[in-house]
PDB file of N, CA and C in Angstrom:
ATOM      1  N   MET A   1      14.433  17.804  28.011  1.00  0.00           N
ATOM      2  CA  MET A   1      13.525  16.707  27.778  1.00  0.00           C
ATOM      3  C   MET A   1      13.343  16.517  26.261  1.00  0.00           C
ATOM      4  N   ALA A   2      13.487  15.288  25.807  1.00  0.00           N
ATOM      5  CA  ALA A   2      13.376  14.991  24.385  1.00  0.00           C
ATOM      6  C   ALA A   2      11.923  15.016  23.939  1.00  0.00           C
ATOM      7  N   LYS A   3      11.718  15.561  22.741  1.00  0.00           N
ATOM      8  CA  LYS A   3      10.375  15.597  22.175  1.00  0.00           C
ATOM      9  C   LYS A   3      10.004  14.221  21.656  1.00  0.00           C
ATOM     10  N   LYS A   4       8.744  13.862  21.815  1.00  0.00           N
ATOM     11  CA  LYS A   4       8.265  12.604  21.277  1.00  0.00           C
ATOM     12  C   LYS A   4       8.025  12.788  19.782  1.00  0.00           C
ATOM     13  N   ARG A   5       8.570  11.861  18.993  1.00  0.00           N
ATOM     14  CA  ARG A   5       8.455  11.963  17.547  1.00  0.00           C
ATOM     15  C   ARG A   5       7.066  11.585  17.072  1.00  0.00           C
ATOM     16  N   ARG A   6       6.551  12.352  16.128  1.00  0.00           N
ATOM     17  CA  ARG A   6       5.235  12.082  15.566  1.00  0.00           C
ATOM     18  C   ARG A   6       5.325  10.917  14.580  1.00  0.00           C
ATOM     19  N   VAL A   7       4.395   9.995  14.666  1.00  0.00           N
ATOM     20  CA  VAL A   7       4.361   8.848  13.768  1.00  0.00           C
ATOM     21  C   VAL A   7       3.344   9.148  12.665  1.00  0.00           C
ATOM     22  N   PRO A   8       3.770   9.122  11.382  1.00  0.00           N
ATOM     23  CA  PRO A   8       2.834   9.416  10.293  1.00  0.00           C
ATOM     24  C   PRO A   8       1.696   8.402  10.239  1.00  0.00           C
ATOM     25  N   GLN A   9       0.493   8.887  10.007  1.00  0.00           N
ATOM     26  CA  GLN A   9      -0.696   8.044   9.918  1.00  0.00           C
ATOM     27  C   GLN A   9      -1.212   8.051   8.481  1.00  0.00           C
ATOM     28  N   ARG A  10      -1.683   6.910   8.018  1.00  0.00           N
ATOM     29  CA  ARG A  10      -2.303   6.800   6.701  1.00  0.00           C
ATOM     30  C   ARG A  10      -3.559   5.955   6.831  1.00  0.00           C
ATOM     31  N   MET A  11      -4.499   6.152   5.910  1.00  0.00           N
ATOM     32  CA  MET A  11      -5.752   5.409   5.942  1.00  0.00           C
ATOM     33  C   MET A  11      -5.690   4.222   4.989  1.00  0.00           C
ATOM     34  N   CYS A  12      -6.110   3.066   5.475  1.00  0.00           N
ATOM     35  CA  CYS A  12      -6.198   1.869   4.651  1.00  0.00           C
ATOM     36  C   CYS A  12      -7.410   2.008   3.735  1.00  0.00           C
ATOM     37  N   LEU A  13      -7.242   1.664   2.460  1.00  0.00           N
ATOM     38  CA  LEU A  13      -8.357   1.745   1.516  1.00  0.00           C
ATOM     39  C   LEU A  13      -9.412   0.675   1.766  1.00  0.00           C
ATOM     40  N   GLY A  14      -9.022  -0.417   2.410  1.00  0.00           N
ATOM     41  CA  GLY A  14      -9.960  -1.515   2.641  1.00  0.00           C
ATOM     42  C   GLY A  14     -10.861  -1.294   3.842  1.00  0.00           C
ATOM     43  N   CYS A  15     -10.256  -1.128   5.008  1.00  0.00           N
ATOM     44  CA  CYS A  15     -11.035  -1.001   6.249  1.00  0.00           C
ATOM     45  C   CYS A  15     -11.287   0.449   6.643  1.00  0.00           C
ATOM     46  N   ARG A  16     -10.633   1.396   5.939  1.00  0.00           N
ATOM     47  CA  ARG A  16     -10.800   2.831   6.176  1.00  0.00           C
ATOM     48  C   ARG A  16     -10.376   3.267   7.575  1.00  0.00           C
ATOM     49  N   GLU A  17      -9.429   2.553   8.177  1.00  0.00           N
ATOM     50  CA  GLU A  17      -8.905   2.904   9.500  1.00  0.00           C
ATOM     51  C   GLU A  17      -7.557   3.592   9.345  1.00  0.00           C
ATOM     52  N   ASN A  18      -7.304   4.591  10.193  1.00  0.00           N
ATOM     53  CA  ASN A  18      -5.999   5.237  10.229  1.00  0.00           C
ATOM     54  C   ASN A  18      -5.039   4.367  11.024  1.00  0.00           C
ATOM     55  N   LYS A  19      -3.869   4.096  10.440  1.00  0.00           N
ATOM     56  CA  LYS A  19      -2.852   3.268  11.086  1.00  0.00           C
ATOM     57  C   LYS A  19      -1.494   3.890  10.840  1.00  0.00           C
ATOM     58  N   ASN A  20      -0.500   3.401  11.574  1.00  0.00           N
ATOM     59  CA  ASN A  20       0.863   3.864  11.354  1.00  0.00           C
ATOM     60  C   ASN A  20       1.289   3.527   9.932  1.00  0.00           C
ATOM     61  N   LYS A  21       1.969   4.454   9.314  1.00  0.00           N
ATOM     62  CA  LYS A  21       2.401   4.289   7.925  1.00  0.00           C
ATOM     63  C   LYS A  21       3.229   3.027   7.738  1.00  0.00           C
ATOM     64  N   ARG A  22       4.069   2.702   8.702  1.00  0.00           N
ATOM     65  CA  ARG A  22       4.950   1.536   8.615  1.00  0.00           C
ATOM     66  C   ARG A  22       4.197   0.209   8.631  1.00  0.00           C
ATOM     67  N   GLU A  23       2.968   0.197   9.162  1.00  0.00           N
ATOM     68  CA  GLU A  23       2.184  -1.033   9.242  1.00  0.00           C
ATOM     69  C   GLU A  23       1.475  -1.361   7.936  1.00  0.00           C
ATOM     70  N   LEU A  24       1.406  -0.402   7.019  1.00  0.00           N
ATOM     71  CA  LEU A  24       0.639  -0.561   5.799  1.00  0.00           C
ATOM     72  C   LEU A  24       1.540  -0.838   4.595  1.00  0.00           C
ATOM     73  N   ILE A  25       0.946  -1.348   3.534  1.00  0.00           N
ATOM     74  CA  ILE A  25       1.639  -1.608   2.284  1.00  0.00           C
ATOM     75  C   ILE A  25       1.282  -0.482   1.327  1.00  0.00           C
ATOM     76  N   ARG A  26       2.295   0.092   0.688  1.00  0.00           N
ATOM     77  CA  ARG A  26       2.072   1.212  -0.230  1.00  0.00           C
ATOM     78  C   ARG A  26       2.152   0.731  -1.672  1.00  0.00           C
ATOM     79  N   ILE A  27       1.160   1.135  -2.453  1.00  0.00           N
ATOM     80  CA  ILE A  27       1.162   0.911  -3.886  1.00  0.00           C
ATOM     81  C   ILE A  27       1.278   2.297  -4.508  1.00  0.00           C
ATOM     82  N   VAL A  28       2.168   2.449  -5.477  1.00  0.00           N
ATOM     83  CA  VAL A  28       2.446   3.763  -6.025  1.00  0.00           C
ATOM     84  C   VAL A  28       2.262   3.780  -7.542  1.00  0.00           C
ATOM     85  N   ARG A  29       1.721   4.894  -8.040  1.00  0.00           N
ATOM     86  CA  ARG A  29       1.706   5.161  -9.474  1.00  0.00           C
ATOM     87  C   ARG A  29       2.807   6.176  -9.723  1.00  0.00           C
ATOM     88  N   THR A  30       3.854   5.755 -10.414  1.00  0.00           N
ATOM     89  CA  THR A  30       5.020   6.607 -10.639  1.00  0.00           C
ATOM     90  C   THR A  30       4.672   7.731 -11.609  1.00  0.00           C
ATOM     91  N   PRO A  31       5.506   8.752 -11.681  1.00  0.00           N
ATOM     92  CA  PRO A  31       5.264   9.837 -12.651  1.00  0.00           C
ATOM     93  C   PRO A  31       5.210   9.351 -14.105  1.00  0.00           C
ATOM     94  N   LEU A  32       5.793   8.191 -14.388  1.00  0.00           N
ATOM     95  CA  LEU A  32       5.744   7.618 -15.734  1.00  0.00           C
ATOM     96  C   LEU A  32       4.468   6.812 -15.976  1.00  0.00           C
ATOM     97  N   GLY A  33       3.628   6.665 -14.954  1.00  0.00           N
ATOM     98  CA  GLY A  33       2.364   5.959 -15.089  1.00  0.00           C
ATOM     99  C   GLY A  33       2.417   4.486 -14.740  1.00  0.00           C
ATOM    100  N   GLU A  34       3.563   3.989 -14.292  1.00  0.00           N
ATOM    101  CA  GLU A  34       3.681   2.577 -13.901  1.00  0.00           C
ATOM    102  C   GLU A  34       3.130   2.395 -12.494  1.00  0.00           C
ATOM    103  N   ILE A  35       2.520   1.249 -12.248  1.00  0.00           N
ATOM    104  CA  ILE A  35       1.997   0.954 -10.918  1.00  0.00           C
ATOM    105  C   ILE A  35       2.798  -0.198 -10.345  1.00  0.00           C
ATOM    106  N   GLU A  36       3.314   0.001  -9.116  1.00  0.00           N
ATOM    107  CA  GLU A  36       4.169  -1.007  -8.493  1.00  0.00           C
ATOM    108  C   GLU A  36       4.066  -0.928  -6.974  1.00  0.00           C
ATOM    109  N   LEU A  37       4.507  -1.991  -6.340  1.00  0.00           N
ATOM    110  CA  LEU A  37       4.577  -2.003  -4.880  1.00  0.00           C
ATOM    111  C   LEU A  37       5.771  -1.165  -4.448  1.00  0.00           C
ATOM    112  N   ASP A  38       5.574  -0.399  -3.383  1.00  0.00           N
ATOM    113  CA  ASP A  38       6.651   0.443  -2.868  1.00  0.00           C
ATOM    114  C   ASP A  38       7.076  -0.109  -1.510  1.00  0.00           C
ATOM    115  N   VAL A  39       8.119  -0.910  -1.525  1.00  0.00           N
ATOM    116  CA  VAL A  39       8.591  -1.547  -0.299  1.00  0.00           C
ATOM    117  C   VAL A  39       9.222  -0.521   0.644  1.00  0.00           C
ATOM    118  N   THR A  40       9.924   0.463   0.081  1.00  0.00           N
ATOM    119  CA  THR A  40      10.615   1.451   0.911  1.00  0.00           C
ATOM    120  C   THR A  40       9.673   2.524   1.441  1.00  0.00           C
ATOM    121  N   GLY A  41       8.568   2.780   0.730  1.00  0.00           N
ATOM    122  CA  GLY A  41       7.645   3.822   1.134  1.00  0.00           C
ATOM    123  C   GLY A  41       8.110   5.205   0.749  1.00  0.00           C
ATOM    124  N   LYS A  42       9.109   5.288  -0.130  1.00  0.00           N
ATOM    125  CA  LYS A  42       9.693   6.585  -0.468  1.00  0.00           C
ATOM    126  C   LYS A  42       9.716   6.879  -1.963  1.00  0.00           C
ATOM    127  N   LYS A  43       9.147   6.013  -2.781  1.00  0.00           N
ATOM    128  CA  LYS A  43       9.168   6.250  -4.221  1.00  0.00           C
ATOM    129  C   LYS A  43       8.311   7.463  -4.566  1.00  0.00           C
ATOM    130  N   ALA A  44       8.721   8.157  -5.604  1.00  0.00           N
ATOM    131  CA  ALA A  44       7.973   9.323  -6.058  1.00  0.00           C
ATOM    132  C   ALA A  44       6.692   8.876  -6.756  1.00  0.00           C
ATOM    133  N   GLY A  45       5.633   9.614  -6.555  1.00  0.00           N
ATOM    134  CA  GLY A  45       4.384   9.325  -7.240  1.00  0.00           C
ATOM    135  C   GLY A  45       3.209   9.315  -6.289  1.00  0.00           C
ATOM    136  N   ARG A  46       2.054   9.037  -6.845  1.00  0.00           N
ATOM    137  CA  ARG A  46       0.814   9.000  -6.080  1.00  0.00           C
ATOM    138  C   ARG A  46       0.704   7.652  -5.376  1.00  0.00           C
ATOM    139  N   GLY A  47       0.519   7.668  -4.078  1.00  0.00           N
ATOM    140  CA  GLY A  47       0.502   6.435  -3.310  1.00  0.00           C
ATOM    141  C   GLY A  47      -0.851   6.119  -2.710  1.00  0.00           C
ATOM    142  N   ALA A  48      -1.076   4.840  -2.479  1.00  0.00           N
ATOM    143  CA  ALA A  48      -2.272   4.357  -1.801  1.00  0.00           C
ATOM    144  C   ALA A  48      -1.821   3.271  -0.828  1.00  0.00           C
ATOM    145  N   TYR A  49      -2.526   3.141   0.270  1.00  0.00           N
ATOM    146  CA  TYR A  49      -2.112   2.226   1.335  1.00  0.00           C
ATOM    147  C   TYR A  49      -3.203   1.217   1.644  1.00  0.00           C
ATOM    148  N   ILE A  50      -2.777  -0.024   1.932  1.00  0.00           N
ATOM    149  CA  ILE A  50      -3.712  -1.035   2.416  1.00  0.00           C
ATOM    150  C   ILE A  50      -3.060  -1.815   3.552  1.00  0.00           C
ATOM    151  N   CYS A  51      -3.904  -2.376   4.406  1.00  0.00           N
ATOM    152  CA  CYS A  51      -3.431  -3.218   5.510  1.00  0.00           C
ATOM    153  C   CYS A  51      -2.855  -4.516   4.942  1.00  0.00           C
ATOM    154  N   PRO A  52      -1.937  -5.122   5.662  1.00  0.00           N
ATOM    155  CA  PRO A  52      -1.405  -6.409   5.208  1.00  0.00           C
ATOM    156  C   PRO A  52      -2.339  -7.566   5.573  1.00  0.00           C
ATOM    157  N   SER A  53      -3.609  -7.468   5.179  1.00  0.00           N
ATOM    158  CA  SER A  53      -4.570  -8.538   5.446  1.00  0.00           C
ATOM    159  C   SER A  53      -5.330  -8.872   4.175  1.00  0.00           C
ATOM    160  N   ILE A  54      -5.673 -10.131   4.020  1.00  0.00           N
ATOM    161  CA  ILE A  54      -6.402 -10.588   2.844  1.00  0.00           C
ATOM    162  C   ILE A  54      -7.790  -9.944   2.779  1.00  0.00           C
ATOM    163  N   ASP A  55      -8.440  -9.736   3.929  1.00  0.00           N
ATOM    164  CA  ASP A  55      -9.776  -9.126   3.933  1.00  0.00           C
ATOM    165  C   ASP A  55      -9.758  -7.731   3.316  1.00  0.00           C
ATOM    166  N   CYS A  56      -8.811  -6.908   3.714  1.00  0.00           N
ATOM    167  CA  CYS A  56      -8.702  -5.556   3.157  1.00  0.00           C
ATOM    168  C   CYS A  56      -8.371  -5.618   1.674  1.00  0.00           C
ATOM    169  N   PHE A  57      -7.504  -6.532   1.284  1.00  0.00           N
ATOM    170  CA  PHE A  57      -7.132  -6.688  -0.118  1.00  0.00           C
ATOM    171  C   PHE A  57      -8.354  -7.039  -0.968  1.00  0.00           C
ATOM    172  N   GLN A  58      -9.147  -7.999  -0.493  1.00  0.00           N
ATOM    173  CA  GLN A  58     -10.333  -8.403  -1.244  1.00  0.00           C
ATOM    174  C   GLN A  58     -11.352  -7.269  -1.342  1.00  0.00           C
ATOM    175  N   ARG A  59     -11.493  -6.494  -0.276  1.00  0.00           N
ATOM    176  CA  ARG A  59     -12.404  -5.348  -0.291  1.00  0.00           C
ATOM    177  C   ARG A  59     -11.949  -4.297  -1.303  1.00  0.00           C
ATOM    178  N   VAL A  60     -10.628  -4.054  -1.329  1.00  0.00           N
ATOM    179  CA  VAL A  60     -10.069  -3.062  -2.248  1.00  0.00           C
ATOM    180  C   VAL A  60     -10.282  -3.480  -3.701  1.00  0.00           C
ATOM    181  N   ILE A  61     -10.082  -4.755  -4.005  1.00  0.00           N
ATOM    182  CA  ILE A  61     -10.258  -5.252  -5.371  1.00  0.00           C
ATOM    183  C   ILE A  61     -11.733  -5.218  -5.760  1.00  0.00           C
ATOM    184  N   LYS A  62     -12.601  -5.646  -4.860  1.00  0.00           N
ATOM    185  CA  LYS A  62     -14.037  -5.694  -5.138  1.00  0.00           C
ATOM    186  C   LYS A  62     -14.603  -4.296  -5.396  1.00  0.00           C
ATOM    187  N   ASN A  63     -14.232  -3.333  -4.570  1.00  0.00           N
ATOM    188  CA  ASN A  63     -14.768  -1.971  -4.683  1.00  0.00           C
ATOM    189  C   ASN A  63     -14.011  -1.104  -5.682  1.00  0.00           C
ATOM    190  N   LYS A  64     -12.905  -1.623  -6.217  1.00  0.00           N
ATOM    191  CA  LYS A  64     -12.036  -0.879  -7.143  1.00  0.00           C
ATOM    192  C   LYS A  64     -11.546   0.425  -6.525  1.00  0.00           C
ATOM    193  N   SER A  65     -11.399   0.442  -5.209  1.00  0.00           N
ATOM    194  CA  SER A  65     -10.945   1.663  -4.533  1.00  0.00           C
ATOM    195  C   SER A  65      -9.471   1.950  -4.809  1.00  0.00           C
ATOM    196  N   LEU A  66      -8.680   0.935  -5.105  1.00  0.00           N
ATOM    197  CA  LEU A  66      -7.278   1.163  -5.456  1.00  0.00           C
ATOM    198  C   LEU A  66      -7.184   1.883  -6.799  1.00  0.00           C
ATOM    199  N   GLU A  67      -7.991   1.456  -7.753  1.00  0.00           N
ATOM    200  CA  GLU A  67      -8.012   2.118  -9.063  1.00  0.00           C
ATOM    201  C   GLU A  67      -8.482   3.564  -8.931  1.00  0.00           C
ATOM    202  N   LYS A  68      -9.476   3.791  -8.102  1.00  0.00           N
ATOM    203  CA  LYS A  68      -9.988   5.147  -7.903  1.00  0.00           C
ATOM    204  C   LYS A  68      -8.938   6.032  -7.231  1.00  0.00           C
ATOM    205  N   SER A  69      -8.256   5.487  -6.250  1.00  0.00           N
ATOM    206  CA  SER A  69      -7.270   6.256  -5.515  1.00  0.00           C
ATOM    207  C   SER A  69      -6.063   6.621  -6.379  1.00  0.00           C
ATOM    208  N   LEU A  70      -5.605   5.674  -7.182  1.00  0.00           N
ATOM    209  CA  LEU A  70      -4.441   5.912  -8.034  1.00  0.00           C
ATOM    210  C   LEU A  70      -4.816   6.543  -9.373  1.00  0.00           C
ATOM    211  N   ARG A  71      -6.108   6.628  -9.636  1.00  0.00           N
ATOM    212  CA  ARG A  71      -6.618   7.216 -10.892  1.00  0.00           C
ATOM    213  C   ARG A  71      -6.035   6.513 -12.109  1.00  0.00           C
ATOM    214  N   SER A  72      -6.015   5.189 -12.046  1.00  0.00           N
ATOM    215  CA  SER A  72      -5.453   4.394 -13.127  1.00  0.00           C
ATOM    216  C   SER A  72      -5.925   2.953 -12.983  1.00  0.00           C
ATOM    217  N   THR A  73      -5.926   2.202 -14.078  1.00  0.00           N
ATOM    218  CA  THR A  73      -6.253   0.781 -13.989  1.00  0.00           C
ATOM    219  C   THR A  73      -5.044   0.036 -13.426  1.00  0.00           C
ATOM    220  N   ILE A  74      -5.317  -0.995 -12.674  1.00  0.00           N
ATOM    221  CA  ILE A  74      -4.262  -1.754 -12.000  1.00  0.00           C
ATOM    222  C   ILE A  74      -3.955  -3.005 -12.832  1.00  0.00           C
ATOM    223  N   PRO A  75      -2.695  -3.182 -13.259  1.00  0.00           N
ATOM    224  CA  PRO A  75      -2.337  -4.383 -14.021  1.00  0.00           C
ATOM    225  C   PRO A  75      -2.495  -5.656 -13.179  1.00  0.00           C
ATOM    226  N   GLU A  76      -2.813  -6.730 -13.845  1.00  0.00           N
ATOM    227  CA  GLU A  76      -3.014  -8.017 -13.166  1.00  0.00           C
ATOM    228  C   GLU A  76      -1.751  -8.461 -12.432  1.00  0.00           C
ATOM    229  N   GLY A  77      -0.578  -8.139 -12.966  1.00  0.00           N
ATOM    230  CA  GLY A  77       0.685  -8.513 -12.328  1.00  0.00           C
ATOM    231  C   GLY A  77       0.862  -7.870 -10.962  1.00  0.00           C
ATOM    232  N   VAL A  78       0.454  -6.615 -10.833  1.00  0.00           N
ATOM    233  CA  VAL A  78       0.550  -5.924  -9.545  1.00  0.00           C
ATOM    234  C   VAL A  78      -0.417  -6.549  -8.546  1.00  0.00           C
ATOM    235  N   ILE A  79      -1.612  -6.874  -9.000  1.00  0.00           N
ATOM    236  CA  ILE A  79      -2.605  -7.509  -8.121  1.00  0.00           C
ATOM    237  C   ILE A  79      -2.087  -8.862  -7.641  1.00  0.00           C
ATOM    238  N   ASN A  80      -1.500  -9.635  -8.560  1.00  0.00           N
ATOM    239  CA  ASN A  80      -0.972 -10.954  -8.195  1.00  0.00           C
ATOM    240  C   ASN A  80       0.201 -10.846  -7.224  1.00  0.00           C
ATOM    241  N   SER A  81       1.117  -9.900  -7.451  1.00  0.00           N
ATOM    242  CA  SER A  81       2.263  -9.776  -6.548  1.00  0.00           C
ATOM    243  C   SER A  81       1.823  -9.291  -5.168  1.00  0.00           C
ATOM    244  N   LEU A  82       0.826  -8.434  -5.121  1.00  0.00           N
ATOM    245  CA  LEU A  82       0.293  -7.985  -3.841  1.00  0.00           C
ATOM    246  C   LEU A  82      -0.367  -9.141  -3.096  1.00  0.00           C
ATOM    247  N   LYS A  83      -1.114  -9.952  -3.818  1.00  0.00           N
ATOM    248  CA  LYS A  83      -1.775 -11.117  -3.204  1.00  0.00           C
ATOM    249  C   LYS A  83      -0.740 -12.112  -2.674  1.00  0.00           C
ATOM    250  N   GLU A  84       0.321 -12.356  -3.448  1.00  0.00           N
ATOM    251  CA  GLU A  84       1.389 -13.258  -2.996  1.00  0.00           C
ATOM    252  C   GLU A  84       2.064 -12.724  -1.740  1.00  0.00           C
ATOM    253  N   ARG A  85       2.291 -11.428  -1.716  1.00  0.00           N
ATOM    254  CA  ARG A  85       2.930 -10.823  -0.540  1.00  0.00           C
ATOM    255  C   ARG A  85       2.050 -10.979   0.699  1.00  0.00           C
ATOM    256  N   LEU A  86       0.751 -10.793   0.529  1.00  0.00           N
ATOM    257  CA  LEU A  86      -0.160 -10.911   1.662  1.00  0.00           C
ATOM    258  C   LEU A  86      -0.284 -12.353   2.144  1.00  0.00           C
ATOM    259  N   GLU A  87      -0.095 -13.280   1.246  1.00  0.00           N
ATOM    260  CA  GLU A  87      -0.142 -14.696   1.623  1.00  0.00           C
ATOM    261  C   GLU A  87       1.195 -15.187   2.163  1.00  0.00           C
ATOM    262  N   GLY A  88       2.193 -14.295   2.228  1.00  0.00           N
ATOM    263  CA  GLY A  88       3.478 -14.660   2.810  1.00  0.00           C
ATOM    264  C   GLY A  88       4.477 -15.238   1.840  1.00  0.00           C
ATOM    265  N   LYS A  89       4.196 -15.148   0.538  1.00  0.00           N
ATOM    266  CA  LYS A  89       5.108 -15.726  -0.450  1.00  0.00           C
ATOM    267  C   LYS A  89       5.987 -14.686  -1.113  1.00  0.00           C
ATOM    268  N   GLY A  90       5.648 -13.432  -0.946  1.00  0.00           N
ATOM    269  CA  GLY A  90       6.329 -12.388  -1.713  1.00  0.00           C
ATOM    270  C   GLY A  90       7.456 -11.725  -0.972  1.00  0.00           C
ATOM    271  N   LEU A  91       7.639 -10.446  -1.248  1.00  0.00           N
ATOM    272  CA  LEU A  91       8.731  -9.662  -0.709  1.00  0.00           C
ATOM    273  C   LEU A  91       8.593  -9.478   0.796  1.00  0.00           C
ATOM    274  N   PRO A  92       9.693  -9.509   1.533  1.00  0.00           N
ATOM    275  CA  PRO A  92       9.624  -9.213   2.954  1.00  0.00           C
ATOM    276  C   PRO A  92       9.419  -7.725   3.168  1.00  0.00           C
ATOM    277  N   THR A  93       8.840  -7.371   4.301  1.00  0.00           N
ATOM    278  CA  THR A  93       8.613  -5.976   4.628  1.00  0.00           C
ATOM    279  C   THR A  93       9.921  -5.328   4.996  1.00  0.00           C
ATOM    280  N   ASP A  94      10.203  -4.151   4.451  1.00  0.00           N
ATOM    281  CA  ASP A  94      11.428  -3.425   4.737  1.00  0.00           C
ATOM    282  C   ASP A  94      11.192  -2.542   5.950  1.00  0.00           C
ATOM    283  N   THR A  95      11.865  -2.830   7.057  1.00  0.00           N
ATOM    284  CA  THR A  95      11.688  -2.060   8.282  1.00  0.00           C
ATOM    285  C   THR A  95      12.946  -1.302   8.654  1.00  0.00           C
ATOM    286  N   SER A  96      13.939  -1.259   7.755  1.00  0.00           N
ATOM    287  CA  SER A  96      15.211  -0.623   8.078  1.00  0.00           C
ATOM    288  C   SER A  96      15.142   0.891   7.991  1.00  0.00           C
ATOM    289  N   SER A  97      14.187   1.469   7.274  1.00  0.00           N
ATOM    290  CA  SER A  97      14.138   2.927   7.102  1.00  0.00           C
ATOM    291  C   SER A  97      13.307   3.580   8.151  1.00  0.00           C
TER     292      SER A  97
END
């Protein structure tokens, strides 16, 4: 009998709910200190996760929980690209991995 594979869970910074890692968007602070969106979910560095919803995004920005989680200030460009992605204009979600 095959074992059922465990699905990694992560907490959204906005709604504070545990969800499947694949359902969330990862923002990473690389070892060089750069902050960027992690489409693959495998980049090295400190990561933070949010739901792909505008409500969670607005909560995260308002409470500065993303800055607290990554222990760094978030550049305006990263905030704008994340907002575009949530509005459906940005990068497609990578589901191949």
